[in-house]
Amino acid sequence: MVVSQKELAQCLGISARQVRNLRDEGLFHTVKGNRGYVLETCVQEYINFKINAEMGRSASVSIEKVKTDHERIKKDISALKLRRMRQELHEAADVEAFLSDMLTRFKKRLLSLPSKMAMQIAGEKDINVLVQVLTRGFNEALEELSRYDPDSIDGEDMDAYDIEDDDEEDGP
Protein backbone atom coordinates (compact mmCIF):
# COMPACT_ATOMS: atom_id res chain seq x y z
CA MET A 1 0.00 0.00 0.00
CA VAL A 2 1.47 3.31 -1.09
CA VAL A 3 0.68 6.38 1.05
CA SER A 4 1.46 10.07 0.90
CA GLN A 5 3.81 11.87 3.25
CA LYS A 6 0.87 13.23 5.22
CA GLU A 7 -0.80 9.80 5.53
CA LEU A 8 2.47 8.21 6.66
CA ALA A 9 2.91 10.93 9.28
CA GLN A 10 -0.61 10.25 10.59
CA CYS A 11 -0.02 6.47 10.73
CA LEU A 12 3.25 6.91 12.65
CA GLY A 13 1.96 9.69 14.90
CA ILE A 14 4.60 12.19 13.81
CA SER A 15 4.54 15.38 11.77
CA ALA A 16 4.96 15.52 8.00
CA ARG A 17 8.10 17.61 8.56
CA GLN A 18 9.55 14.78 10.73
CA VAL A 19 8.82 12.32 7.89
CA ARG A 20 10.78 14.59 5.50
CA ASN A 21 13.65 14.89 7.99
CA LEU A 22 13.83 11.13 8.46
CA ARG A 23 13.69 10.62 4.66
CA ASP A 24 16.60 13.06 4.29
CA GLU A 25 18.53 10.99 6.86
CA GLY A 26 17.94 7.94 4.67
CA LEU A 27 15.21 6.25 6.68
CA PHE A 28 12.13 6.23 4.45
CA HIS A 29 12.36 5.34 0.79
CA THR A 30 9.85 6.54 -1.75
CA VAL A 31 8.51 4.42 -4.57
CA LYS A 32 9.76 5.06 -8.09
CA GLY A 33 8.95 8.48 -9.37
CA ASN A 34 8.64 9.98 -5.85
CA ARG A 35 4.94 9.08 -5.82
CA GLY A 36 4.65 8.10 -2.14
CA TYR A 37 5.82 5.64 0.51
CA VAL A 38 5.26 1.89 0.96
CA LEU A 39 3.43 1.88 4.31
CA GLU A 40 4.51 -1.61 5.52
CA THR A 41 8.19 -0.92 4.82
CA CYS A 42 8.13 2.54 6.38
CA VAL A 43 6.39 1.32 9.55
CA GLN A 44 9.00 -1.42 10.00
CA GLU A 45 11.84 1.05 9.35
CA TYR A 46 10.38 3.50 11.87
CA ILE A 47 10.01 0.76 14.52
CA ASN A 48 13.63 -0.29 13.99
CA PHE A 49 14.69 3.37 14.14
CA LYS A 50 12.90 3.87 17.48
CA ILE A 51 14.30 0.61 18.93
CA ASN A 52 17.84 1.57 17.94
CA ALA A 53 17.37 5.04 19.40
CA GLU A 54 16.15 3.57 22.69
CA MET A 55 18.91 0.97 22.82
CA GLY A 56 21.55 3.62 22.19
CA ARG A 57 20.12 5.82 24.93
CA SER A 58 19.75 2.95 27.40
CA ALA A 59 23.34 1.90 26.72
CA SER A 60 24.59 5.38 27.60
CA VAL A 61 22.39 5.39 30.71
CA SER A 62 23.84 2.01 31.60
CA ILE A 63 27.40 3.33 31.24
CA GLU A 64 26.54 6.34 33.38
CA LYS A 65 24.99 4.03 35.99
CA VAL A 66 28.10 1.86 36.03
CA LYS A 67 30.31 4.92 36.48
CA THR A 68 28.05 6.24 39.25
CA ASP A 69 28.09 2.87 41.01
CA HIS A 70 31.88 2.70 40.67
CA GLU A 71 32.28 6.15 42.24
CA ARG A 72 29.88 5.21 45.06
CA ILE A 73 31.87 2.05 45.75
CA LYS A 74 35.15 4.02 45.78
CA LYS A 75 33.57 6.45 48.25
CA ASP A 76 32.41 3.57 50.47
CA ILE A 77 35.87 1.97 50.39
CA SER A 78 37.48 5.29 51.32
CA ALA A 79 35.04 5.69 54.22
CA LEU A 80 35.86 2.17 55.45
CA LYS A 81 39.61 2.84 55.20
CA LEU A 82 39.15 6.05 57.18
CA ARG A 83 37.13 4.28 59.88
CA ARG A 84 39.81 1.60 60.10
CA MET A 85 42.54 4.24 60.42
CA ARG A 86 40.54 5.87 63.22
CA GLN A 87 40.24 2.42 64.78
CA GLU A 88 36.46 2.56 64.57
CA LEU A 89 36.42 -0.54 62.37
CA HIS A 90 38.32 -3.84 62.62
CA GLU A 91 38.68 -6.88 60.40
CA ALA A 92 36.41 -9.73 61.46
CA ALA A 93 39.34 -12.17 61.68
CA ASP A 94 41.24 -9.76 63.96
CA VAL A 95 38.23 -9.34 66.26
CA GLU A 96 37.68 -13.10 66.34
CA ALA A 97 41.33 -13.74 67.26
CA PHE A 98 41.27 -11.02 69.92
CA LEU A 99 38.04 -12.29 71.53
CA SER A 100 39.19 -15.89 71.39
CA ASP A 101 42.44 -14.98 73.16
CA MET A 102 40.66 -12.81 75.73
CA LEU A 103 38.07 -15.51 76.53
CA THR A 104 40.76 -18.18 76.81
CA ARG A 105 42.64 -16.05 79.34
CA PHE A 106 39.37 -15.41 81.22
CA LYS A 107 38.58 -19.13 81.32
CA LYS A 108 42.05 -19.94 82.69
CA ARG A 109 41.69 -17.25 85.34
CA LEU A 110 38.28 -18.57 86.39
CA LEU A 111 39.55 -22.14 86.56
CA SER A 112 42.48 -21.05 88.73
CA LEU A 113 40.21 -19.26 91.24
CA PRO A 114 39.29 -22.29 93.41
CA SER A 115 42.88 -23.27 94.21
CA LYS A 116 43.97 -19.66 94.66
CA MET A 117 40.99 -18.80 96.87
CA ALA A 118 41.24 -21.98 98.89
CA MET A 119 44.65 -20.95 100.18
CA GLN A 120 43.44 -17.45 101.10
CA ILE A 121 40.24 -18.49 102.86
CA ALA A 122 41.46 -21.67 104.51
CA GLY A 123 40.58 -21.59 108.19
CA GLU A 124 38.77 -18.25 107.92
CA LYS A 125 35.63 -18.13 110.03
CA ASP A 126 34.53 -14.52 109.43
CA ILE A 127 31.96 -14.46 106.65
CA ASN A 128 32.73 -10.81 105.74
CA VAL A 129 36.40 -11.66 105.07
CA LEU A 130 35.35 -14.67 102.98
CA VAL A 131 33.02 -12.49 100.88
CA GLN A 132 35.72 -9.83 100.41
CA VAL A 133 38.35 -12.36 99.29
CA LEU A 134 35.95 -14.08 96.90
CA THR A 135 34.68 -10.74 95.53
CA ARG A 136 38.23 -9.52 94.93
CA GLY A 137 39.11 -12.77 93.13
CA PHE A 138 36.04 -12.61 90.89
CA ASN A 139 36.59 -8.92 90.14
CA GLU A 140 40.20 -9.66 89.06
CA ALA A 141 38.92 -12.41 86.76
CA LEU A 142 36.19 -10.17 85.35
CA GLU A 143 38.71 -7.41 84.74
CA GLU A 144 40.15 -9.62 82.03
CA LEU A 145 36.94 -9.09 80.06
CA SER A 146 37.04 -5.30 80.38
CA ARG A 147 40.45 -4.90 78.73
CA TYR A 148 39.97 -3.42 75.27
CA ASP A 149 42.84 -1.97 73.30
CA PRO A 150 42.16 -1.25 69.60
CA ASP A 151 45.86 -1.51 68.83
CA SER A 152 45.97 -5.04 70.17
CA ILE A 153 43.02 -6.06 67.98
CA ASP A 154 44.57 -4.95 64.71
CA GLY A 155 48.07 -5.94 65.67
CA GLU A 156 49.52 -3.55 63.13
CA ASP A 157 50.99 -0.10 62.91
CA MET A 158 48.48 2.51 61.72
CA ASP A 159 51.27 4.50 60.02
CA ALA A 160 51.48 1.70 57.47
CA TYR A 161 48.23 2.84 55.83
CA ASP A 162 48.56 4.73 52.58
CA ILE A 163 46.53 7.90 53.05
CA GLU A 164 46.68 9.00 49.39
CA ASP A 165 43.97 7.99 46.96
CA ASP A 166 44.96 4.90 44.98
CA ASP A 167 43.66 6.34 41.70
CA GLU A 168 45.51 9.63 41.86
CA GLU A 169 49.04 10.01 40.59
CA ASP A 170 51.50 12.57 41.88
CA GLY A 171 52.14 15.27 39.32
CA PRO A 172 55.54 16.84 38.50
C-alpha atoms as a PDB file:
ATOM      1  CA  MET A   1       0.000   0.000   0.000  1.00  0.00           C
ATOM      2  CA  VAL A   2       1.471   3.309  -1.086  1.00  0.00           C
ATOM      3  CA  VAL A   3       0.681   6.375   1.046  1.00  0.00           C
ATOM      4  CA  SER A   4       1.463  10.065   0.902  1.00  0.00           C
ATOM      5  CA  GLN A   5       3.812  11.871   3.255  1.00  0.00           C
ATOM      6  CA  LYS A   6       0.871  13.230   5.224  1.00  0.00           C
ATOM      7  CA  GLU A   7      -0.797   9.805   5.531  1.00  0.00           C
ATOM      8  CA  LEU A   8       2.474   8.205   6.663  1.00  0.00           C
ATOM      9  CA  ALA A   9       2.905  10.929   9.284  1.00  0.00           C
ATOM     10  CA  GLN A  10      -0.610  10.245  10.587  1.00  0.00           C
ATOM     11  CA  CYS A  11      -0.019   6.473  10.729  1.00  0.00           C
ATOM     12  CA  LEU A  12       3.254   6.915  12.653  1.00  0.00           C
ATOM     13  CA  GLY A  13       1.961   9.692  14.903  1.00  0.00           C
ATOM     14  CA  ILE A  14       4.596  12.191  13.814  1.00  0.00           C
ATOM     15  CA  SER A  15       4.536  15.382  11.768  1.00  0.00           C
ATOM     16  CA  ALA A  16       4.956  15.520   7.998  1.00  0.00           C
ATOM     17  CA  ARG A  17       8.103  17.612   8.564  1.00  0.00           C
ATOM     18  CA  GLN A  18       9.546  14.782  10.728  1.00  0.00           C
ATOM     19  CA  VAL A  19       8.817  12.321   7.893  1.00  0.00           C
ATOM     20  CA  ARG A  20      10.783  14.591   5.503  1.00  0.00           C
ATOM     21  CA  ASN A  21      13.654  14.886   7.989  1.00  0.00           C
ATOM     22  CA  LEU A  22      13.826  11.125   8.455  1.00  0.00           C
ATOM     23  CA  ARG A  23      13.689  10.623   4.659  1.00  0.00           C
ATOM     24  CA  ASP A  24      16.599  13.063   4.290  1.00  0.00           C
ATOM     25  CA  GLU A  25      18.529  10.992   6.865  1.00  0.00           C
ATOM     26  CA  GLY A  26      17.935   7.936   4.667  1.00  0.00           C
ATOM     27  CA  LEU A  27      15.210   6.249   6.678  1.00  0.00           C
ATOM     28  CA  PHE A  28      12.126   6.228   4.450  1.00  0.00           C
ATOM     29  CA  HIS A  29      12.362   5.339   0.793  1.00  0.00           C
ATOM     30  CA  THR A  30       9.849   6.536  -1.749  1.00  0.00           C
ATOM     31  CA  VAL A  31       8.513   4.415  -4.566  1.00  0.00           C
ATOM     32  CA  LYS A  32       9.755   5.057  -8.090  1.00  0.00           C
ATOM     33  CA  GLY A  33       8.952   8.482  -9.366  1.00  0.00           C
ATOM     34  CA  ASN A  34       8.643   9.980  -5.850  1.00  0.00           C
ATOM     35  CA  ARG A  35       4.938   9.084  -5.823  1.00  0.00           C
ATOM     36  CA  GLY A  36       4.652   8.098  -2.145  1.00  0.00           C
ATOM     37  CA  TYR A  37       5.823   5.636   0.510  1.00  0.00           C
ATOM     38  CA  VAL A  38       5.258   1.891   0.959  1.00  0.00           C
ATOM     39  CA  LEU A  39       3.428   1.876   4.306  1.00  0.00           C
ATOM     40  CA  GLU A  40       4.509  -1.609   5.517  1.00  0.00           C
ATOM     41  CA  THR A  41       8.194  -0.924   4.816  1.00  0.00           C
ATOM     42  CA  CYS A  42       8.125   2.538   6.381  1.00  0.00           C
ATOM     43  CA  VAL A  43       6.386   1.323   9.553  1.00  0.00           C
ATOM     44  CA  GLN A  44       9.000  -1.422   9.998  1.00  0.00           C
ATOM     45  CA  GLU A  45      11.844   1.047   9.354  1.00  0.00           C
ATOM     46  CA  TYR A  46      10.377   3.498  11.871  1.00  0.00           C
ATOM     47  CA  ILE A  47      10.007   0.756  14.517  1.00  0.00           C
ATOM     48  CA  ASN A  48      13.633  -0.286  13.994  1.00  0.00           C
ATOM     49  CA  PHE A  49      14.695   3.368  14.144  1.00  0.00           C
ATOM     50  CA  LYS A  50      12.904   3.869  17.482  1.00  0.00           C
ATOM     51  CA  ILE A  51      14.301   0.614  18.925  1.00  0.00           C
ATOM     52  CA  ASN A  52      17.845   1.572  17.940  1.00  0.00           C
ATOM     53  CA  ALA A  53      17.372   5.044  19.396  1.00  0.00           C
ATOM     54  CA  GLU A  54      16.146   3.573  22.693  1.00  0.00           C
ATOM     55  CA  MET A  55      18.906   0.974  22.821  1.00  0.00           C
ATOM     56  CA  GLY A  56      21.550   3.616  22.193  1.00  0.00           C
ATOM     57  CA  ARG A  57      20.125   5.825  24.932  1.00  0.00           C
ATOM     58  CA  SER A  58      19.755   2.953  27.402  1.00  0.00           C
ATOM     59  CA  ALA A  59      23.345   1.900  26.721  1.00  0.00           C
ATOM     60  CA  SER A  60      24.586   5.381  27.605  1.00  0.00           C
ATOM     61  CA  VAL A  61      22.393   5.388  30.706  1.00  0.00           C
ATOM     62  CA  SER A  62      23.844   2.012  31.599  1.00  0.00           C
ATOM     63  CA  ILE A  63      27.405   3.334  31.239  1.00  0.00           C
ATOM     64  CA  GLU A  64      26.540   6.340  33.376  1.00  0.00           C
ATOM     65  CA  LYS A  65      24.986   4.031  35.992  1.00  0.00           C
ATOM     66  CA  VAL A  66      28.101   1.857  36.030  1.00  0.00           C
ATOM     67  CA  LYS A  67      30.313   4.925  36.476  1.00  0.00           C
ATOM     68  CA  THR A  68      28.052   6.237  39.245  1.00  0.00           C
ATOM     69  CA  ASP A  69      28.087   2.870  41.006  1.00  0.00           C
ATOM     70  CA  HIS A  70      31.878   2.704  40.669  1.00  0.00           C
ATOM     71  CA  GLU A  71      32.277   6.149  42.236  1.00  0.00           C
ATOM     72  CA  ARG A  72      29.885   5.209  45.064  1.00  0.00           C
ATOM     73  CA  ILE A  73      31.875   2.046  45.748  1.00  0.00           C
ATOM     74  CA  LYS A  74      35.145   4.017  45.777  1.00  0.00           C
ATOM     75  CA  LYS A  75      33.574   6.446  48.251  1.00  0.00           C
ATOM     76  CA  ASP A  76      32.412   3.566  50.472  1.00  0.00           C
ATOM     77  CA  ILE A  77      35.874   1.974  50.394  1.00  0.00           C
ATOM     78  CA  SER A  78      37.479   5.292  51.323  1.00  0.00           C
ATOM     79  CA  ALA A  79      35.040   5.691  54.219  1.00  0.00           C
ATOM     80  CA  LEU A  80      35.857   2.170  55.453  1.00  0.00           C
ATOM     81  CA  LYS A  81      39.609   2.839  55.204  1.00  0.00           C
ATOM     82  CA  LEU A  82      39.153   6.048  57.184  1.00  0.00           C
ATOM     83  CA  ARG A  83      37.128   4.276  59.882  1.00  0.00           C
ATOM     84  CA  ARG A  84      39.814   1.597  60.103  1.00  0.00           C
ATOM     85  CA  MET A  85      42.536   4.240  60.421  1.00  0.00           C
ATOM     86  CA  ARG A  86      40.540   5.870  63.220  1.00  0.00           C
ATOM     87  CA  GLN A  87      40.238   2.420  64.781  1.00  0.00           C
ATOM     88  CA  GLU A  88      36.455   2.561  64.574  1.00  0.00           C
ATOM     89  CA  LEU A  89      36.424  -0.539  62.365  1.00  0.00           C
ATOM     90  CA  HIS A  90      38.324  -3.837  62.619  1.00  0.00           C
ATOM     91  CA  GLU A  91      38.680  -6.882  60.397  1.00  0.00           C
ATOM     92  CA  ALA A  92      36.406  -9.731  61.455  1.00  0.00           C
ATOM     93  CA  ALA A  93      39.336 -12.167  61.682  1.00  0.00           C
ATOM     94  CA  ASP A  94      41.236  -9.764  63.964  1.00  0.00           C
ATOM     95  CA  VAL A  95      38.233  -9.342  66.257  1.00  0.00           C
ATOM     96  CA  GLU A  96      37.683 -13.101  66.343  1.00  0.00           C
ATOM     97  CA  ALA A  97      41.330 -13.745  67.265  1.00  0.00           C
ATOM     98  CA  PHE A  98      41.265 -11.016  69.923  1.00  0.00           C
ATOM     99  CA  LEU A  99      38.045 -12.286  71.525  1.00  0.00           C
ATOM    100  CA  SER A 100      39.188 -15.888  71.392  1.00  0.00           C
ATOM    101  CA  ASP A 101      42.438 -14.982  73.161  1.00  0.00           C
ATOM    102  CA  MET A 102      40.661 -12.815  75.734  1.00  0.00           C
ATOM    103  CA  LEU A 103      38.068 -15.509  76.534  1.00  0.00           C
ATOM    104  CA  THR A 104      40.758 -18.178  76.805  1.00  0.00           C
ATOM    105  CA  ARG A 105      42.639 -16.047  79.338  1.00  0.00           C
ATOM    106  CA  PHE A 106      39.369 -15.407  81.222  1.00  0.00           C
ATOM    107  CA  LYS A 107      38.580 -19.134  81.324  1.00  0.00           C
ATOM    108  CA  LYS A 108      42.052 -19.938  82.687  1.00  0.00           C
ATOM    109  CA  ARG A 109      41.694 -17.245  85.340  1.00  0.00           C
ATOM    110  CA  LEU A 110      38.276 -18.567  86.392  1.00  0.00           C
ATOM    111  CA  LEU A 111      39.549 -22.136  86.555  1.00  0.00           C
ATOM    112  CA  SER A 112      42.484 -21.048  88.727  1.00  0.00           C
ATOM    113  CA  LEU A 113      40.211 -19.263  91.239  1.00  0.00           C
ATOM    114  CA  PRO A 114      39.294 -22.295  93.413  1.00  0.00           C
ATOM    115  CA  SER A 115      42.877 -23.273  94.208  1.00  0.00           C
ATOM    116  CA  LYS A 116      43.970 -19.659  94.656  1.00  0.00           C
ATOM    117  CA  MET A 117      40.988 -18.800  96.870  1.00  0.00           C
ATOM    118  CA  ALA A 118      41.241 -21.985  98.888  1.00  0.00           C
ATOM    119  CA  MET A 119      44.649 -20.945 100.179  1.00  0.00           C
ATOM    120  CA  GLN A 120      43.437 -17.447 101.103  1.00  0.00           C
ATOM    121  CA  ILE A 121      40.240 -18.486 102.862  1.00  0.00           C
ATOM    122  CA  ALA A 122      41.464 -21.672 104.514  1.00  0.00           C
ATOM    123  CA  GLY A 123      40.577 -21.590 108.195  1.00  0.00           C
ATOM    124  CA  GLU A 124      38.772 -18.247 107.917  1.00  0.00           C
ATOM    125  CA  LYS A 125      35.633 -18.131 110.033  1.00  0.00           C
ATOM    126  CA  ASP A 126      34.533 -14.521 109.431  1.00  0.00           C
ATOM    127  CA  ILE A 127      31.959 -14.464 106.647  1.00  0.00           C
ATOM    128  CA  ASN A 128      32.733 -10.813 105.744  1.00  0.00           C
ATOM    129  CA  VAL A 129      36.404 -11.657 105.073  1.00  0.00           C
ATOM    130  CA  LEU A 130      35.355 -14.670 102.980  1.00  0.00           C
ATOM    131  CA  VAL A 131      33.015 -12.485 100.885  1.00  0.00           C
ATOM    132  CA  GLN A 132      35.719  -9.825 100.407  1.00  0.00           C
ATOM    133  CA  VAL A 133      38.348 -12.361  99.286  1.00  0.00           C
ATOM    134  CA  LEU A 134      35.945 -14.079  96.897  1.00  0.00           C
ATOM    135  CA  THR A 135      34.676 -10.745  95.534  1.00  0.00           C
ATOM    136  CA  ARG A 136      38.227  -9.516  94.929  1.00  0.00           C
ATOM    137  CA  GLY A 137      39.107 -12.766  93.128  1.00  0.00           C
ATOM    138  CA  PHE A 138      36.042 -12.615  90.894  1.00  0.00           C
ATOM    139  CA  ASN A 139      36.595  -8.923  90.137  1.00  0.00           C
ATOM    140  CA  GLU A 140      40.195  -9.660  89.062  1.00  0.00           C
ATOM    141  CA  ALA A 141      38.925 -12.411  86.762  1.00  0.00           C
ATOM    142  CA  LEU A 142      36.187 -10.174  85.352  1.00  0.00           C
ATOM    143  CA  GLU A 143      38.705  -7.405  84.736  1.00  0.00           C
ATOM    144  CA  GLU A 144      40.151  -9.624  82.029  1.00  0.00           C
ATOM    145  CA  LEU A 145      36.942  -9.092  80.059  1.00  0.00           C
ATOM    146  CA  SER A 146      37.045  -5.300  80.383  1.00  0.00           C
ATOM    147  CA  ARG A 147      40.451  -4.904  78.726  1.00  0.00           C
ATOM    148  CA  TYR A 148      39.974  -3.425  75.271  1.00  0.00           C
ATOM    149  CA  ASP A 149      42.837  -1.971  73.301  1.00  0.00           C
ATOM    150  CA  PRO A 150      42.160  -1.248  69.605  1.00  0.00           C
ATOM    151  CA  ASP A 151      45.862  -1.507  68.831  1.00  0.00           C
ATOM    152  CA  SER A 152      45.970  -5.041  70.166  1.00  0.00           C
ATOM    153  CA  ILE A 153      43.021  -6.055  67.984  1.00  0.00           C
ATOM    154  CA  ASP A 154      44.568  -4.947  64.711  1.00  0.00           C
ATOM    155  CA  GLY A 155      48.069  -5.944  65.672  1.00  0.00           C
ATOM    156  CA  GLU A 156      49.517  -3.551  63.133  1.00  0.00           C
ATOM    157  CA  ASP A 157      50.992  -0.098  62.912  1.00  0.00           C
ATOM    158  CA  MET A 158      48.484   2.508  61.720  1.00  0.00           C
ATOM    159  CA  ASP A 159      51.266   4.504  60.017  1.00  0.00           C
ATOM    160  CA  ALA A 160      51.483   1.702  57.473  1.00  0.00           C
ATOM    161  CA  TYR A 161      48.235   2.838  55.833  1.00  0.00           C
ATOM    162  CA  ASP A 162      48.563   4.734  52.579  1.00  0.00           C
ATOM    163  CA  ILE A 163      46.527   7.904  53.051  1.00  0.00           C
ATOM    164  CA  GLU A 164      46.685   9.004  49.391  1.00  0.00           C
ATOM    165  CA  ASP A 165      43.973   7.987  46.959  1.00  0.00           C
ATOM    166  CA  ASP A 166      44.958   4.898  44.982  1.00  0.00           C
ATOM    167  CA  ASP A 167      43.662   6.342  41.704  1.00  0.00           C
ATOM    168  CA  GLU A 168      45.511   9.629  41.857  1.00  0.00           C
ATOM    169  CA  GLU A 169      49.035  10.012  40.589  1.00  0.00           C
ATOM    170  CA  ASP A 170      51.502  12.568  41.878  1.00  0.00           C
ATOM    171  CA  GLY A 171      52.142  15.274  39.318  1.00  0.00           C
ATOM    172  CA  PRO A 172      55.543  16.844  38.504  1.00  0.00           C
END
